[in-house]
Amino acid sequence: MRKRVLIVDDEPNIVIAVEFLMQRAGHEVRTARDGETGLAAARSYRPDLIVLDVMMPKLDGYAVLAAIRADPLLDGTRILMLTAKGREAEQKKGLALGADAYLPKPFPTGDLIEKARELLDRSD
């Protein structure tokens, strides 16, 4: 069964790369370029996995993450934080707010694919 993946990131090159990788892995993919649009897309699309950036316009990734975790309809959604904010304090904050995994940019594509696979396997 194809999994639904939502990519929420304001960097076009990251979105294109992650979208390509997720489609190549056989997933259905949608994208959003800011936190506000990403949160709305999460609520309407109901993805299995959200690849979520931290630093974005309108709502940052932490606010989006907190809103998703507070929404019972999105309870089973896995969230992979993908961000240039790779310091330990930022990672702890994301994980404390309910992220399932954290991958700092720049990232090896193999690491992204493996982490996404792990998270999607847990969503079954």
N, C-alpha and C. Protein backbone atom coordinates (compact mmCIF):
# COMPACT_ATOMS: atom_id res chain seq x y z
N MET A 1 0.83 -1.18 0.00
CA MET A 1 0.00 0.00 0.00
C MET A 1 0.88 1.25 0.00
N ARG A 2 0.56 2.18 -0.88
CA ARG A 2 1.32 3.43 -0.94
C ARG A 2 1.05 4.26 0.30
N LYS A 3 2.10 4.87 0.81
CA LYS A 3 1.99 5.75 1.96
C LYS A 3 1.90 7.19 1.47
N ARG A 4 1.24 8.01 2.27
CA ARG A 4 1.12 9.44 1.95
C ARG A 4 2.16 10.22 2.73
N VAL A 5 2.93 11.04 2.01
CA VAL A 5 3.99 11.84 2.61
C VAL A 5 3.72 13.30 2.29
N LEU A 6 3.82 14.14 3.32
CA LEU A 6 3.70 15.59 3.16
C LEU A 6 5.06 16.21 3.49
N ILE A 7 5.58 17.01 2.57
CA ILE A 7 6.84 17.71 2.77
C ILE A 7 6.51 19.17 3.02
N VAL A 8 6.94 19.68 4.17
CA VAL A 8 6.69 21.08 4.53
C VAL A 8 8.05 21.75 4.72
N ASP A 9 8.46 22.52 3.72
CA ASP A 9 9.77 23.16 3.73
C ASP A 9 9.71 24.35 2.78
N ASP A 10 10.38 25.44 3.14
CA ASP A 10 10.36 26.63 2.29
C ASP A 10 11.54 26.71 1.33
N GLU A 11 12.43 25.73 1.35
CA GLU A 11 13.57 25.72 0.43
C GLU A 11 13.23 24.87 -0.80
N PRO A 12 13.03 25.48 -1.96
CA PRO A 12 12.62 24.75 -3.16
C PRO A 12 13.51 23.56 -3.50
N ASN A 13 14.83 23.71 -3.36
CA ASN A 13 15.73 22.60 -3.71
C ASN A 13 15.54 21.40 -2.80
N ILE A 14 15.29 21.65 -1.53
CA ILE A 14 15.04 20.55 -0.59
C ILE A 14 13.73 19.87 -0.94
N VAL A 15 12.69 20.67 -1.20
CA VAL A 15 11.38 20.11 -1.53
C VAL A 15 11.48 19.22 -2.76
N ILE A 16 12.14 19.71 -3.80
CA ILE A 16 12.27 18.94 -5.04
C ILE A 16 13.02 17.63 -4.79
N ALA A 17 14.11 17.70 -4.05
CA ALA A 17 14.91 16.50 -3.79
C ALA A 17 14.15 15.48 -2.95
N VAL A 18 13.53 15.93 -1.87
CA VAL A 18 12.80 15.01 -0.98
C VAL A 18 11.58 14.45 -1.71
N GLU A 19 10.90 15.29 -2.47
CA GLU A 19 9.73 14.82 -3.23
C GLU A 19 10.15 13.71 -4.20
N PHE A 20 11.25 13.92 -4.91
CA PHE A 20 11.74 12.92 -5.85
C PHE A 20 12.06 11.60 -5.13
N LEU A 21 12.77 11.70 -4.02
CA LEU A 21 13.16 10.50 -3.27
C LEU A 21 11.94 9.73 -2.75
N MET A 22 10.96 10.45 -2.24
CA MET A 22 9.77 9.80 -1.69
C MET A 22 8.91 9.18 -2.81
N GLN A 23 8.81 9.86 -3.95
CA GLN A 23 8.07 9.30 -5.08
C GLN A 23 8.78 8.07 -5.63
N ARG A 24 10.09 8.13 -5.70
CA ARG A 24 10.87 6.99 -6.19
C ARG A 24 10.71 5.78 -5.27
N ALA A 25 10.48 6.05 -3.98
CA ALA A 25 10.26 4.96 -3.01
C ALA A 25 8.82 4.45 -3.07
N GLY A 26 8.01 5.04 -3.97
CA GLY A 26 6.65 4.54 -4.19
C GLY A 26 5.57 5.24 -3.39
N HIS A 27 5.87 6.37 -2.78
CA HIS A 27 4.90 7.07 -1.96
C HIS A 27 4.15 8.15 -2.74
N GLU A 28 2.96 8.44 -2.28
CA GLU A 28 2.18 9.57 -2.80
C GLU A 28 2.64 10.80 -2.03
N VAL A 29 2.99 11.88 -2.72
CA VAL A 29 3.61 13.03 -2.07
C VAL A 29 2.86 14.32 -2.37
N ARG A 30 2.72 15.13 -1.33
CA ARG A 30 2.24 16.51 -1.46
C ARG A 30 3.25 17.41 -0.77
N THR A 31 3.23 18.69 -1.16
CA THR A 31 4.19 19.63 -0.59
C THR A 31 3.49 20.90 -0.12
N ALA A 32 4.16 21.59 0.81
CA ALA A 32 3.72 22.91 1.28
C ALA A 32 4.97 23.73 1.54
N ARG A 33 4.91 25.03 1.27
CA ARG A 33 6.09 25.88 1.35
C ARG A 33 6.16 26.76 2.59
N ASP A 34 5.17 26.68 3.49
CA ASP A 34 5.24 27.42 4.75
C ASP A 34 4.45 26.65 5.80
N GLY A 35 4.65 27.03 7.05
CA GLY A 35 4.03 26.29 8.14
C GLY A 35 2.52 26.34 8.15
N GLU A 36 1.96 27.48 7.84
CA GLU A 36 0.50 27.63 7.85
C GLU A 36 -0.14 26.73 6.79
N THR A 37 0.39 26.76 5.59
CA THR A 37 -0.12 25.91 4.51
C THR A 37 0.13 24.43 4.83
N GLY A 38 1.28 24.15 5.44
CA GLY A 38 1.60 22.78 5.82
C GLY A 38 0.63 22.21 6.84
N LEU A 39 0.25 23.02 7.82
CA LEU A 39 -0.69 22.56 8.83
C LEU A 39 -2.06 22.29 8.21
N ALA A 40 -2.50 23.19 7.34
CA ALA A 40 -3.77 22.98 6.64
C ALA A 40 -3.71 21.72 5.77
N ALA A 41 -2.60 21.52 5.09
CA ALA A 41 -2.44 20.33 4.24
C ALA A 41 -2.44 19.06 5.09
N ALA A 42 -1.81 19.10 6.25
CA ALA A 42 -1.80 17.93 7.13
C ALA A 42 -3.22 17.56 7.54
N ARG A 43 -4.02 18.56 7.83
CA ARG A 43 -5.40 18.29 8.27
C ARG A 43 -6.27 17.78 7.14
N SER A 44 -6.05 18.22 5.93
CA SER A 44 -6.90 17.78 4.82
C SER A 44 -6.38 16.50 4.15
N TYR A 45 -5.08 16.34 4.07
CA TYR A 45 -4.45 15.22 3.37
C TYR A 45 -4.28 13.99 4.27
N ARG A 46 -4.13 14.23 5.57
CA ARG A 46 -3.95 13.16 6.57
C ARG A 46 -2.80 12.21 6.17
N PRO A 47 -1.57 12.75 6.09
CA PRO A 47 -0.43 11.94 5.65
C PRO A 47 -0.01 10.92 6.70
N ASP A 48 0.71 9.90 6.24
CA ASP A 48 1.31 8.93 7.14
C ASP A 48 2.60 9.49 7.74
N LEU A 49 3.29 10.32 6.94
CA LEU A 49 4.57 10.90 7.36
C LEU A 49 4.61 12.36 6.92
N ILE A 50 5.11 13.22 7.81
CA ILE A 50 5.36 14.62 7.47
C ILE A 50 6.86 14.86 7.63
N VAL A 51 7.49 15.34 6.57
CA VAL A 51 8.88 15.78 6.62
C VAL A 51 8.80 17.28 6.83
N LEU A 52 9.22 17.74 8.00
CA LEU A 52 8.92 19.09 8.46
C LEU A 52 10.18 19.89 8.77
N ASP A 53 10.31 21.03 8.13
CA ASP A 53 11.41 21.97 8.40
C ASP A 53 11.07 22.78 9.65
N VAL A 54 12.08 23.34 10.30
CA VAL A 54 11.85 24.17 11.48
C VAL A 54 11.68 25.64 11.09
N MET A 55 12.64 26.19 10.37
CA MET A 55 12.61 27.62 10.05
C MET A 55 11.83 27.85 8.77
N MET A 56 10.58 28.37 8.95
CA MET A 56 9.71 28.64 7.80
C MET A 56 8.89 29.90 8.08
N PRO A 57 8.37 30.51 7.01
CA PRO A 57 7.49 31.67 7.21
C PRO A 57 6.12 31.26 7.75
N LYS A 58 5.44 32.22 8.32
CA LYS A 58 4.07 32.13 8.86
C LYS A 58 4.00 31.34 10.15
N LEU A 59 4.29 30.07 10.15
CA LEU A 59 4.40 29.25 11.36
C LEU A 59 5.69 28.47 11.27
N ASP A 60 6.47 28.46 12.35
CA ASP A 60 7.68 27.64 12.29
C ASP A 60 7.32 26.17 12.52
N GLY A 61 8.29 25.30 12.28
CA GLY A 61 8.05 23.87 12.39
C GLY A 61 7.64 23.42 13.78
N TYR A 62 8.16 24.09 14.82
CA TYR A 62 7.78 23.72 16.17
C TYR A 62 6.30 23.99 16.42
N ALA A 63 5.80 25.12 15.91
CA ALA A 63 4.37 25.44 16.07
C ALA A 63 3.51 24.46 15.29
N VAL A 64 3.94 24.10 14.10
CA VAL A 64 3.21 23.11 13.30
C VAL A 64 3.21 21.77 14.02
N LEU A 65 4.35 21.37 14.52
CA LEU A 65 4.48 20.10 15.24
C LEU A 65 3.54 20.08 16.46
N ALA A 66 3.54 21.14 17.24
CA ALA A 66 2.69 21.19 18.43
C ALA A 66 1.21 21.11 18.04
N ALA A 67 0.82 21.80 16.98
CA ALA A 67 -0.58 21.78 16.53
C ALA A 67 -0.98 20.39 16.04
N ILE A 68 -0.09 19.72 15.34
CA ILE A 68 -0.37 18.37 14.85
C ILE A 68 -0.53 17.40 16.02
N ARG A 69 0.37 17.50 16.99
CA ARG A 69 0.30 16.60 18.14
C ARG A 69 -0.93 16.87 19.01
N ALA A 70 -1.49 18.07 18.93
CA ALA A 70 -2.69 18.39 19.70
C ALA A 70 -3.98 17.99 18.98
N ASP A 71 -3.86 17.58 17.72
CA ASP A 71 -5.03 17.24 16.90
C ASP A 71 -5.25 15.72 16.93
N PRO A 72 -6.34 15.25 17.56
CA PRO A 72 -6.56 13.81 17.65
C PRO A 72 -6.72 13.12 16.29
N LEU A 73 -7.14 13.85 15.26
CA LEU A 73 -7.29 13.25 13.93
C LEU A 73 -5.94 12.94 13.28
N LEU A 74 -4.88 13.56 13.80
CA LEU A 74 -3.54 13.34 13.23
C LEU A 74 -2.66 12.53 14.18
N ASP A 75 -3.28 11.83 15.09
CA ASP A 75 -2.58 11.11 16.15
C ASP A 75 -1.52 10.14 15.65
N GLY A 76 -1.78 9.40 14.60
CA GLY A 76 -0.83 8.40 14.12
C GLY A 76 0.19 8.92 13.13
N THR A 77 0.16 10.20 12.84
CA THR A 77 1.08 10.77 11.84
C THR A 77 2.50 10.79 12.38
N ARG A 78 3.42 10.24 11.61
CA ARG A 78 4.84 10.28 11.97
C ARG A 78 5.44 11.59 11.47
N ILE A 79 6.35 12.16 12.26
CA ILE A 79 6.96 13.44 11.89
C ILE A 79 8.47 13.33 11.96
N LEU A 80 9.09 13.64 10.81
CA LEU A 80 10.53 13.69 10.68
C LEU A 80 10.94 15.15 10.53
N MET A 81 11.61 15.68 11.54
CA MET A 81 12.10 17.05 11.46
C MET A 81 13.37 17.04 10.62
N LEU A 82 13.40 17.92 9.64
CA LEU A 82 14.51 18.02 8.70
C LEU A 82 14.93 19.47 8.70
N THR A 83 16.08 19.79 9.31
CA THR A 83 16.38 21.19 9.50
C THR A 83 17.87 21.50 9.59
N ALA A 84 18.19 22.74 9.29
CA ALA A 84 19.56 23.22 9.43
C ALA A 84 19.89 23.47 10.89
N LYS A 85 18.87 23.54 11.73
CA LYS A 85 19.09 23.73 13.17
C LYS A 85 19.42 22.39 13.79
N GLY A 86 20.66 21.97 13.66
CA GLY A 86 21.04 20.64 14.08
C GLY A 86 21.65 20.54 15.46
N ARG A 87 21.68 21.66 16.20
CA ARG A 87 22.26 21.60 17.54
C ARG A 87 21.42 20.73 18.46
N GLU A 88 22.05 20.19 19.46
CA GLU A 88 21.39 19.27 20.37
C GLU A 88 20.16 19.88 21.04
N ALA A 89 20.22 21.16 21.40
CA ALA A 89 19.08 21.81 22.06
C ALA A 89 17.86 21.84 21.15
N GLU A 90 18.07 22.13 19.85
CA GLU A 90 16.95 22.14 18.91
C GLU A 90 16.39 20.74 18.71
N GLN A 91 17.27 19.76 18.65
CA GLN A 91 16.80 18.39 18.50
C GLN A 91 15.97 17.96 19.70
N LYS A 92 16.45 18.28 20.90
CA LYS A 92 15.70 17.93 22.12
C LYS A 92 14.34 18.61 22.14
N LYS A 93 14.29 19.88 21.70
CA LYS A 93 13.02 20.59 21.67
C LYS A 93 12.04 19.91 20.72
N GLY A 94 12.50 19.57 19.53
CA GLY A 94 11.64 18.90 18.55
C GLY A 94 11.14 17.56 19.05
N LEU A 95 12.03 16.79 19.64
CA LEU A 95 11.64 15.48 20.16
C LEU A 95 10.70 15.62 21.35
N ALA A 96 10.94 16.63 22.19
CA ALA A 96 10.06 16.86 23.34
C ALA A 96 8.65 17.27 22.90
N LEU A 97 8.55 17.97 21.78
CA LEU A 97 7.24 18.38 21.26
C LEU A 97 6.53 17.25 20.52
N GLY A 98 7.23 16.14 20.30
CA GLY A 98 6.57 14.99 19.70
C GLY A 98 7.08 14.54 18.35
N ALA A 99 8.20 15.10 17.88
CA ALA A 99 8.77 14.60 16.62
C ALA A 99 9.21 13.16 16.82
N ASP A 100 9.09 12.36 15.78
CA ASP A 100 9.49 10.96 15.85
C ASP A 100 10.98 10.79 15.54
N ALA A 101 11.53 11.72 14.76
CA ALA A 101 12.95 11.65 14.40
C ALA A 101 13.41 13.03 13.96
N TYR A 102 14.72 13.20 13.95
CA TYR A 102 15.32 14.49 13.64
C TYR A 102 16.51 14.24 12.73
N LEU A 103 16.57 14.91 11.59
CA LEU A 103 17.68 14.75 10.67
C LEU A 103 18.20 16.14 10.29
N PRO A 104 19.44 16.47 10.68
CA PRO A 104 19.96 17.80 10.35
C PRO A 104 20.38 17.93 8.88
N LYS A 105 20.17 19.13 8.32
CA LYS A 105 20.63 19.45 6.97
C LYS A 105 22.08 19.90 7.06
N PRO A 106 22.90 19.65 6.08
CA PRO A 106 22.64 18.79 4.94
C PRO A 106 22.63 17.33 5.38
N PHE A 107 21.91 16.51 4.64
CA PHE A 107 21.74 15.12 5.03
C PHE A 107 22.07 14.22 3.85
N PRO A 108 22.65 13.06 4.12
CA PRO A 108 22.84 12.07 3.05
C PRO A 108 21.47 11.51 2.65
N THR A 109 21.20 11.41 1.37
CA THR A 109 19.89 10.94 0.91
C THR A 109 19.57 9.55 1.45
N GLY A 110 20.58 8.72 1.58
CA GLY A 110 20.36 7.38 2.11
C GLY A 110 19.83 7.42 3.54
N ASP A 111 20.32 8.37 4.34
CA ASP A 111 19.84 8.52 5.72
C ASP A 111 18.37 8.93 5.73
N LEU A 112 18.00 9.83 4.84
CA LEU A 112 16.61 10.27 4.76
C LEU A 112 15.69 9.12 4.38
N ILE A 113 16.07 8.37 3.37
CA ILE A 113 15.26 7.23 2.91
C ILE A 113 15.11 6.21 4.03
N GLU A 114 16.20 5.89 4.71
CA GLU A 114 16.17 4.90 5.78
C GLU A 114 15.29 5.37 6.94
N LYS A 115 15.43 6.62 7.34
CA LYS A 115 14.64 7.16 8.46
C LYS A 115 13.16 7.18 8.09
N ALA A 116 12.84 7.60 6.87
CA ALA A 116 11.45 7.62 6.42
C ALA A 116 10.88 6.19 6.41
N ARG A 117 11.64 5.23 5.94
CA ARG A 117 11.20 3.84 5.90
C ARG A 117 10.90 3.33 7.32
N GLU A 118 11.80 3.62 8.25
CA GLU A 118 11.61 3.21 9.64
C GLU A 118 10.29 3.78 10.21
N LEU A 119 10.08 5.07 9.98
CA LEU A 119 8.90 5.73 10.51
C LEU A 119 7.62 5.21 9.86
N LEU A 120 7.66 5.00 8.56
CA LEU A 120 6.48 4.50 7.87
C LEU A 120 6.18 3.04 8.25
N ASP A 121 7.20 2.27 8.51
CA ASP A 121 6.98 0.89 8.97
C ASP A 121 6.28 0.88 10.33
N ARG A 122 6.57 1.89 11.16
CA ARG A 122 5.94 2.00 12.48
C ARG A 122 4.50 2.46 12.39
N SER A 123 4.12 3.06 11.26
CA SER A 123 2.75 3.60 11.14
C SER A 123 1.74 2.54 10.72
N ASP A 124 2.19 1.34 10.41
CA ASP A 124 1.26 0.26 9.98
C ASP A 124 0.40 -0.23 11.11
